[in-house]
């Protein structure tokens, strides 16, 4: 079974405060030019996307400096649903998935906050504590995804603590995922979950939109 983990890209969709707004308009049409072509205006961090390490530090790798293995692999899904707005995801919450973490594993954090997509409450999402991010990195994980706007609070502290830990380890962060519930169910049933977070190949980019999918076997 294939599960789509991506939000649709449409004009006026939610973006991180201060990021470019998304606008999609016809550039060519069948009626006028004989073909349909869209004109896209969006930021590198629009919709379901990945952050490259250089998102927070020019000295860190850009998107095309990273191995493709960062974007594909087996998933471990952390159940962080039911938290109140702006609640921290603490180190203790890693316990149920600690044995699944290791090099090559993609950790997906299910907060359930994708239910608030398009509503003002989407900005009040839970977030990773810096120490939680440090434990994830110490376990060998270099790719972390979340079904929320950011792994840090929104608005974020100036130092973006969780970003700084994960990106500082040359890790990849995927944000604005959705539909992680079926992955939790599959994991609980002992089924394998593989995830693809392959981004657009933008040269020297800080990040890029992705069509994120999971394959449950």
C-alpha atoms as a PDB file:
ATOM      1  CA  UNK A   1       0.000   0.000   0.000  1.00  0.00           C
ATOM      2  CA  UNK A   2       1.236   3.490  -0.872  1.00  0.00           C
ATOM      3  CA  UNK A   3       0.311   6.397   1.424  1.00  0.00           C
ATOM      4  CA  UNK A   4       0.587   9.975   0.195  1.00  0.00           C
ATOM      5  CA  UNK A   5       2.256  12.067   2.895  1.00  0.00           C
ATOM      6  CA  UNK A   6       2.174  15.373   0.996  1.00  0.00           C
ATOM      7  CA  UNK A   7      -0.084  18.409   1.128  1.00  0.00           C
ATOM      8  CA  UNK A   8      -1.386  19.720  -2.225  1.00  0.00           C
ATOM      9  CA  UNK A   9       0.402  22.752  -3.656  1.00  0.00           C
ATOM     10  CA  UNK A  10      -2.196  25.423  -4.438  1.00  0.00           C
ATOM     11  CA  UNK A  11      -2.370  29.188  -4.601  1.00  0.00           C
ATOM     12  CA  UNK A  12      -2.777  30.809  -1.197  1.00  0.00           C
ATOM     13  CA  UNK A  13      -1.762  27.714   0.745  1.00  0.00           C
ATOM     14  CA  UNK A  14      -0.274  28.114   4.240  1.00  0.00           C
ATOM     15  CA  UNK A  15       3.404  29.094   4.392  1.00  0.00           C
ATOM     16  CA  UNK A  16       5.819  29.732   7.223  1.00  0.00           C
ATOM     17  CA  UNK A  17       5.418  33.339   8.404  1.00  0.00           C
ATOM     18  CA  UNK A  18       7.546  35.554   6.175  1.00  0.00           C
ATOM     19  CA  UNK A  19       8.096  32.975   3.430  1.00  0.00           C
ATOM     20  CA  UNK A  20       7.006  33.697  -0.157  1.00  0.00           C
ATOM     21  CA  UNK A  21       3.331  33.201  -0.834  1.00  0.00           C
ATOM     22  CA  UNK A  22       2.374  30.445  -3.260  1.00  0.00           C
ATOM     23  CA  UNK A  23       0.732  31.465  -6.517  1.00  0.00           C
ATOM     24  CA  UNK A  24      -0.035  29.114  -9.398  1.00  0.00           C
ATOM     25  CA  UNK A  25      -1.485  30.627 -12.572  1.00  0.00           C
ATOM     26  CA  UNK A  26      -1.801  29.578 -16.219  1.00  0.00           C
ATOM     27  CA  UNK A  27       1.178  30.602 -18.335  1.00  0.00           C
ATOM     28  CA  UNK A  28      -0.035  28.898 -21.513  1.00  0.00           C
ATOM     29  CA  UNK A  29      -3.393  27.342 -22.294  1.00  0.00           C
ATOM     30  CA  UNK A  30      -4.704  24.896 -24.849  1.00  0.00           C
ATOM     31  CA  UNK A  31      -7.278  27.473 -25.947  1.00  0.00           C
ATOM     32  CA  UNK A  32      -4.650  30.133 -26.711  1.00  0.00           C
ATOM     33  CA  UNK A  33      -1.330  28.373 -27.327  1.00  0.00           C
ATOM     34  CA  UNK A  34      -2.301  24.744 -27.861  1.00  0.00           C
ATOM     35  CA  UNK A  35      -0.732  23.454 -24.615  1.00  0.00           C
ATOM     36  CA  UNK A  36      -1.280  23.859 -20.885  1.00  0.00           C
ATOM     37  CA  UNK A  37       1.683  25.176 -18.848  1.00  0.00           C
ATOM     38  CA  UNK A  38       1.513  26.574 -15.329  1.00  0.00           C
ATOM     39  CA  UNK A  39       3.491  29.488 -13.927  1.00  0.00           C
ATOM     40  CA  UNK A  40       4.729  28.754 -10.380  1.00  0.00           C
ATOM     41  CA  UNK A  41       5.670  31.260  -7.713  1.00  0.00           C
ATOM     42  CA  UNK A  42       6.713  29.636  -4.433  1.00  0.00           C
ATOM     43  CA  UNK A  43       9.510  29.396  -1.904  1.00  0.00           C
ATOM     44  CA  UNK A  44      11.915  26.532  -1.465  1.00  0.00           C
ATOM     45  CA  UNK A  45      10.203  25.706   1.842  1.00  0.00           C
ATOM     46  CA  UNK A  46       6.647  25.631   0.478  1.00  0.00           C
ATOM     47  CA  UNK A  47       4.243  22.842   1.340  1.00  0.00           C
ATOM     48  CA  UNK A  48       5.660  19.424   2.151  1.00  0.00           C
ATOM     49  CA  UNK A  49       9.386  20.025   1.845  1.00  0.00           C
ATOM     50  CA  UNK A  50      12.822  19.135   3.126  1.00  0.00           C
ATOM     51  CA  UNK A  51      15.363  21.449   4.751  1.00  0.00           C
ATOM     52  CA  UNK A  52      19.003  21.054   3.810  1.00  0.00           C
ATOM     53  CA  UNK A  53      21.602  21.785   6.508  1.00  0.00           C
ATOM     54  CA  UNK A  54      22.501  25.112   4.865  1.00  0.00           C
ATOM     55  CA  UNK A  55      18.982  26.316   5.674  1.00  0.00           C
ATOM     56  CA  UNK A  56      20.386  27.580   8.978  1.00  0.00           C
ATOM     57  CA  UNK A  57      24.133  27.977   8.223  1.00  0.00           C
ATOM     58  CA  UNK A  58      25.913  28.867   4.964  1.00  0.00           C
ATOM     59  CA  UNK A  59      28.850  26.678   6.003  1.00  0.00           C
ATOM     60  CA  UNK A  60      26.711  23.519   6.046  1.00  0.00           C
ATOM     61  CA  UNK A  61      25.862  21.326   3.022  1.00  0.00           C
ATOM     62  CA  UNK A  62      23.281  22.409   0.466  1.00  0.00           C
ATOM     63  CA  UNK A  63      20.588  20.094  -0.841  1.00  0.00           C
ATOM     64  CA  UNK A  64      22.594  18.717  -3.758  1.00  0.00           C
ATOM     65  CA  UNK A  65      25.615  18.037  -1.511  1.00  0.00           C
ATOM     66  CA  UNK A  66      23.690  15.345   0.361  1.00  0.00           C
ATOM     67  CA  UNK A  67      23.574  11.642  -0.563  1.00  0.00           C
ATOM     68  CA  UNK A  68      20.265  10.413  -1.921  1.00  0.00           C
ATOM     69  CA  UNK A  69      20.183   7.901   0.930  1.00  0.00           C
ATOM     70  CA  UNK A  70      19.157  10.794   3.205  1.00  0.00           C
ATOM     71  CA  UNK A  71      15.768  10.878   1.449  1.00  0.00           C
ATOM     72  CA  UNK A  72      14.867   7.182   1.224  1.00  0.00           C
ATOM     73  CA  UNK A  73      14.710   4.455   3.820  1.00  0.00           C
ATOM     74  CA  UNK A  74      12.879   2.507   6.477  1.00  0.00           C
ATOM     75  CA  UNK A  75      10.749   4.593   8.815  1.00  0.00           C
ATOM     76  CA  UNK A  76      10.264   4.600  12.556  1.00  0.00           C
ATOM     77  CA  UNK A  77       7.138   6.528  13.547  1.00  0.00           C
ATOM     78  CA  UNK A  78       6.949   8.286  16.912  1.00  0.00           C
ATOM     79  CA  UNK A  79       3.414   8.718  18.269  1.00  0.00           C
ATOM     80  CA  UNK A  80       3.339  12.246  19.719  1.00  0.00           C
ATOM     81  CA  UNK A  81      -0.377  12.780  19.147  1.00  0.00           C
ATOM     82  CA  UNK A  82      -2.620  14.260  21.804  1.00  0.00           C
ATOM     83  CA  UNK A  83      -0.217  16.925  23.023  1.00  0.00           C
ATOM     84  CA  UNK A  84      -1.594  20.391  23.793  1.00  0.00           C
ATOM     85  CA  UNK A  85      -0.681  23.390  21.633  1.00  0.00           C
ATOM     86  CA  UNK A  86       2.996  24.454  21.709  1.00  0.00           C
ATOM     87  CA  UNK A  87       3.940  21.441  23.836  1.00  0.00           C
ATOM     88  CA  UNK A  88       7.508  20.091  23.772  1.00  0.00           C
ATOM     89  CA  UNK A  89       8.299  16.601  22.497  1.00  0.00           C
ATOM     90  CA  UNK A  90      10.589  15.418  25.264  1.00  0.00           C
ATOM     91  CA  UNK A  91      13.400  12.841  25.316  1.00  0.00           C
ATOM     92  CA  UNK A  92      11.232  10.453  27.354  1.00  0.00           C
ATOM     93  CA  UNK A  93       8.762  10.271  24.462  1.00  0.00           C
ATOM     94  CA  UNK A  94      11.398   8.579  22.287  1.00  0.00           C
ATOM     95  CA  UNK A  95      11.204   5.458  24.446  1.00  0.00           C
ATOM     96  CA  UNK A  96       8.730   3.437  22.335  1.00  0.00           C
ATOM     97  CA  UNK A  97      10.791   3.862  19.144  1.00  0.00           C
ATOM     98  CA  UNK A  98      14.299   3.930  20.646  1.00  0.00           C
ATOM     99  CA  UNK A  99      15.006   0.375  19.514  1.00  0.00           C
ATOM    100  CA  UNK A 100      14.088   1.227  15.930  1.00  0.00           C
ATOM    101  CA  UNK A 101      16.473   4.168  15.588  1.00  0.00           C
ATOM    102  CA  UNK A 102      19.811   3.907  13.849  1.00  0.00           C
ATOM    103  CA  UNK A 103      21.788   4.939  10.773  1.00  0.00           C
ATOM    104  CA  UNK A 104      19.640   4.937   7.647  1.00  0.00           C
ATOM    105  CA  UNK A 105      16.363   5.105   9.555  1.00  0.00           C
ATOM    106  CA  UNK A 106      13.971   7.972   8.862  1.00  0.00           C
ATOM    107  CA  UNK A 107      12.212   9.124  12.022  1.00  0.00           C
ATOM    108  CA  UNK A 108       8.709  10.455  11.436  1.00  0.00           C
ATOM    109  CA  UNK A 109       7.081  12.355  14.306  1.00  0.00           C
ATOM    110  CA  UNK A 110       3.279  12.083  14.255  1.00  0.00           C
ATOM    111  CA  UNK A 111       1.778  14.999  16.185  1.00  0.00           C
ATOM    112  CA  UNK A 112      -1.616  14.890  14.461  1.00  0.00           C
ATOM    113  CA  UNK A 113      -1.209  18.589  13.738  1.00  0.00           C
ATOM    114  CA  UNK A 114      -1.878  18.065  10.029  1.00  0.00           C
ATOM    115  CA  UNK A 115      -5.552  18.138  11.072  1.00  0.00           C
ATOM    116  CA  UNK A 116      -5.088  21.892  11.601  1.00  0.00           C
ATOM    117  CA  UNK A 117      -3.652  22.528   8.119  1.00  0.00           C
ATOM    118  CA  UNK A 118      -5.113  25.765   6.752  1.00  0.00           C
ATOM    119  CA  UNK A 119      -6.356  26.941  10.175  1.00  0.00           C
ATOM    120  CA  UNK A 120      -4.723  29.539  12.464  1.00  0.00           C
ATOM    121  CA  UNK A 121      -4.051  26.821  15.039  1.00  0.00           C
ATOM    122  CA  UNK A 122      -1.579  25.156  12.692  1.00  0.00           C
ATOM    123  CA  UNK A 123       1.093  27.549  13.995  1.00  0.00           C
ATOM    124  CA  UNK A 124       0.598  26.317  17.580  1.00  0.00           C
ATOM    125  CA  UNK A 125       2.119  22.906  16.884  1.00  0.00           C
ATOM    126  CA  UNK A 126       4.208  20.768  19.256  1.00  0.00           C
ATOM    127  CA  UNK A 127       7.963  20.877  18.718  1.00  0.00           C
ATOM    128  CA  UNK A 128      11.148  18.912  19.392  1.00  0.00           C
ATOM    129  CA  UNK A 129      13.136  19.883  22.443  1.00  0.00           C
ATOM    130  CA  UNK A 130      16.816  20.397  21.632  1.00  0.00           C
ATOM    131  CA  UNK A 131      17.770  17.476  23.874  1.00  0.00           C
ATOM    132  CA  UNK A 132      15.323  15.230  22.018  1.00  0.00           C
ATOM    133  CA  UNK A 133      16.994  16.226  18.755  1.00  0.00           C
ATOM    134  CA  UNK A 134      20.419  15.490  20.273  1.00  0.00           C
ATOM    135  CA  UNK A 135      19.330  11.983  21.263  1.00  0.00           C
ATOM    136  CA  UNK A 136      17.970  11.364  17.778  1.00  0.00           C
ATOM    137  CA  UNK A 137      21.302  12.381  16.259  1.00  0.00           C
ATOM    138  CA  UNK A 138      23.229  10.309  18.819  1.00  0.00           C
ATOM    139  CA  UNK A 139      21.226   7.256  17.707  1.00  0.00           C
ATOM    140  CA  UNK A 140      22.561   7.733  14.170  1.00  0.00           C
ATOM    141  CA  UNK A 141      19.399   9.141  12.597  1.00  0.00           C
ATOM    142  CA  UNK A 142      20.009  11.842   9.992  1.00  0.00           C
ATOM    143  CA  UNK A 143      16.493  12.340   8.592  1.00  0.00           C
ATOM    144  CA  UNK A 144      13.553  13.544  10.695  1.00  0.00           C
ATOM    145  CA  UNK A 145      10.074  14.397   9.439  1.00  0.00           C
ATOM    146  CA  UNK A 146       7.092  15.955  11.189  1.00  0.00           C
ATOM    147  CA  UNK A 147       3.415  16.513  10.331  1.00  0.00           C
ATOM    148  CA  UNK A 148       3.657  20.139  11.476  1.00  0.00           C
ATOM    149  CA  UNK A 149       5.017  23.461  10.253  1.00  0.00           C
ATOM    150  CA  UNK A 150       8.417  23.081  11.929  1.00  0.00           C
ATOM    151  CA  UNK A 151      10.473  20.959  14.311  1.00  0.00           C
ATOM    152  CA  UNK A 152      10.957  24.172  16.344  1.00  0.00           C
ATOM    153  CA  UNK A 153       8.175  26.316  17.817  1.00  0.00           C
ATOM    154  CA  UNK A 154       6.440  28.897  15.625  1.00  0.00           C
ATOM    155  CA  UNK A 155       7.448  31.651  16.046  1.00  0.00           C
ATOM    156  CA  UNK A 156      10.867  30.170  16.698  1.00  0.00           C
ATOM    157  CA  UNK A 157      13.645  31.192  19.056  1.00  0.00           C
ATOM    158  CA  UNK A 158      16.377  33.066  17.214  1.00  0.00           C
ATOM    159  CA  UNK A 159      18.779  30.110  17.419  1.00  0.00           C
ATOM    160  CA  UNK A 160      16.294  27.488  16.085  1.00  0.00           C
ATOM    161  CA  UNK A 161      17.590  24.893  18.578  1.00  0.00           C
ATOM    162  CA  UNK A 162      16.170  21.687  17.051  1.00  0.00           C
ATOM    163  CA  UNK A 163      17.081  22.797  13.517  1.00  0.00           C
ATOM    164  CA  UNK A 164      20.590  23.634  14.688  1.00  0.00           C
ATOM    165  CA  UNK A 165      21.112  20.178  16.213  1.00  0.00           C
ATOM    166  CA  UNK A 166      19.717  18.229  13.258  1.00  0.00           C
ATOM    167  CA  UNK A 167      21.191  20.383  10.499  1.00  0.00           C
ATOM    168  CA  UNK A 168      24.477  20.650  12.372  1.00  0.00           C
ATOM    169  CA  UNK A 169      24.768  16.862  12.064  1.00  0.00           C
ATOM    170  CA  UNK A 170      24.261  17.227   8.281  1.00  0.00           C
ATOM    171  CA  UNK A 171      20.744  15.924   8.720  1.00  0.00           C
ATOM    172  CA  UNK A 172      17.589  16.478   6.683  1.00  0.00           C
ATOM    173  CA  UNK A 173      14.320  17.799   8.112  1.00  0.00           C
ATOM    174  CA  UNK A 174      10.968  17.161   6.408  1.00  0.00           C
ATOM    175  CA  UNK A 175       8.059  19.399   7.412  1.00  0.00           C
ATOM    176  CA  UNK A 176       4.351  19.702   6.615  1.00  0.00           C
ATOM    177  CA  UNK A 177       3.879  15.962   6.251  1.00  0.00           C
ATOM    178  CA  UNK A 178       0.396  14.469   6.639  1.00  0.00           C
ATOM    179  CA  UNK A 179      -1.365  11.087   6.964  1.00  0.00           C
ATOM    180  CA  UNK A 180       1.067   9.553   9.449  1.00  0.00           C
ATOM    181  CA  UNK A 181      -1.768   7.736  11.234  1.00  0.00           C
ATOM    182  CA  UNK A 182      -1.815   4.750   8.836  1.00  0.00           C
ATOM    183  CA  UNK A 183       1.946   4.426   9.277  1.00  0.00           C
ATOM    184  CA  UNK A 184       1.548   4.181  13.044  1.00  0.00           C
ATOM    185  CA  UNK A 185      -1.083   1.481  12.572  1.00  0.00           C
ATOM    186  CA  UNK A 186       1.167  -0.442  10.191  1.00  0.00           C
ATOM    187  CA  UNK A 187       4.114  -0.191  12.580  1.00  0.00           C
ATOM    188  CA  UNK A 188       1.980  -1.457  15.483  1.00  0.00           C
ATOM    189  CA  UNK A 189       0.930  -4.416  13.324  1.00  0.00           C
ATOM    190  CA  UNK A 190       4.548  -5.305  12.619  1.00  0.00           C
ATOM    191  CA  UNK A 191       4.484  -4.225   8.983  1.00  0.00           C
ATOM    192  CA  UNK A 192       7.487  -2.560   7.353  1.00  0.00           C
ATOM    193  CA  UNK A 193       7.244   1.097   6.316  1.00  0.00           C
ATOM    194  CA  UNK A 194       9.567   2.599   3.705  1.00  0.00           C
ATOM    195  CA  UNK A 195       9.554   6.343   3.071  1.00  0.00           C
ATOM    196  CA  UNK A 196      10.576   8.490   0.089  1.00  0.00           C
ATOM    197  CA  UNK A 197      11.230  12.203   0.604  1.00  0.00           C
ATOM    198  CA  UNK A 198      12.984  12.902  -2.691  1.00  0.00           C
ATOM    199  CA  UNK A 199      13.129  16.670  -3.359  1.00  0.00           C
ATOM    200  CA  UNK A 200      13.267  18.700  -6.531  1.00  0.00           C
ATOM    201  CA  UNK A 201      16.869  18.874  -7.737  1.00  0.00           C
ATOM    202  CA  UNK A 202      17.462  22.562  -7.067  1.00  0.00           C
ATOM    203  CA  UNK A 203      21.112  23.570  -7.304  1.00  0.00           C
ATOM    204  CA  UNK A 204      22.743  24.827  -4.090  1.00  0.00           C
ATOM    205  CA  UNK A 205      19.325  24.985  -2.418  1.00  0.00           C
ATOM    206  CA  UNK A 206      18.413  25.360   1.252  1.00  0.00           C
ATOM    207  CA  UNK A 207      15.502  22.986   0.689  1.00  0.00           C
ATOM    208  CA  UNK A 208      12.845  21.983  -1.802  1.00  0.00           C
ATOM    209  CA  UNK A 209       9.284  20.728  -2.068  1.00  0.00           C
ATOM    210  CA  UNK A 210       8.864  16.951  -2.105  1.00  0.00           C
ATOM    211  CA  UNK A 211       6.200  14.436  -3.031  1.00  0.00           C
ATOM    212  CA  UNK A 212       6.506  12.437   0.161  1.00  0.00           C
ATOM    213  CA  UNK A 213       5.127   8.895   0.096  1.00  0.00           C
ATOM    214  CA  UNK A 214       5.301   5.809   2.273  1.00  0.00           C
ATOM    215  CA  UNK A 215       5.168   2.199   1.109  1.00  0.00           C
ATOM    216  CA  UNK A 216       3.691  -0.243   3.621  1.00  0.00           C
ATOM    217  CA  UNK A 217       4.580  -3.902   3.014  1.00  0.00           C
END
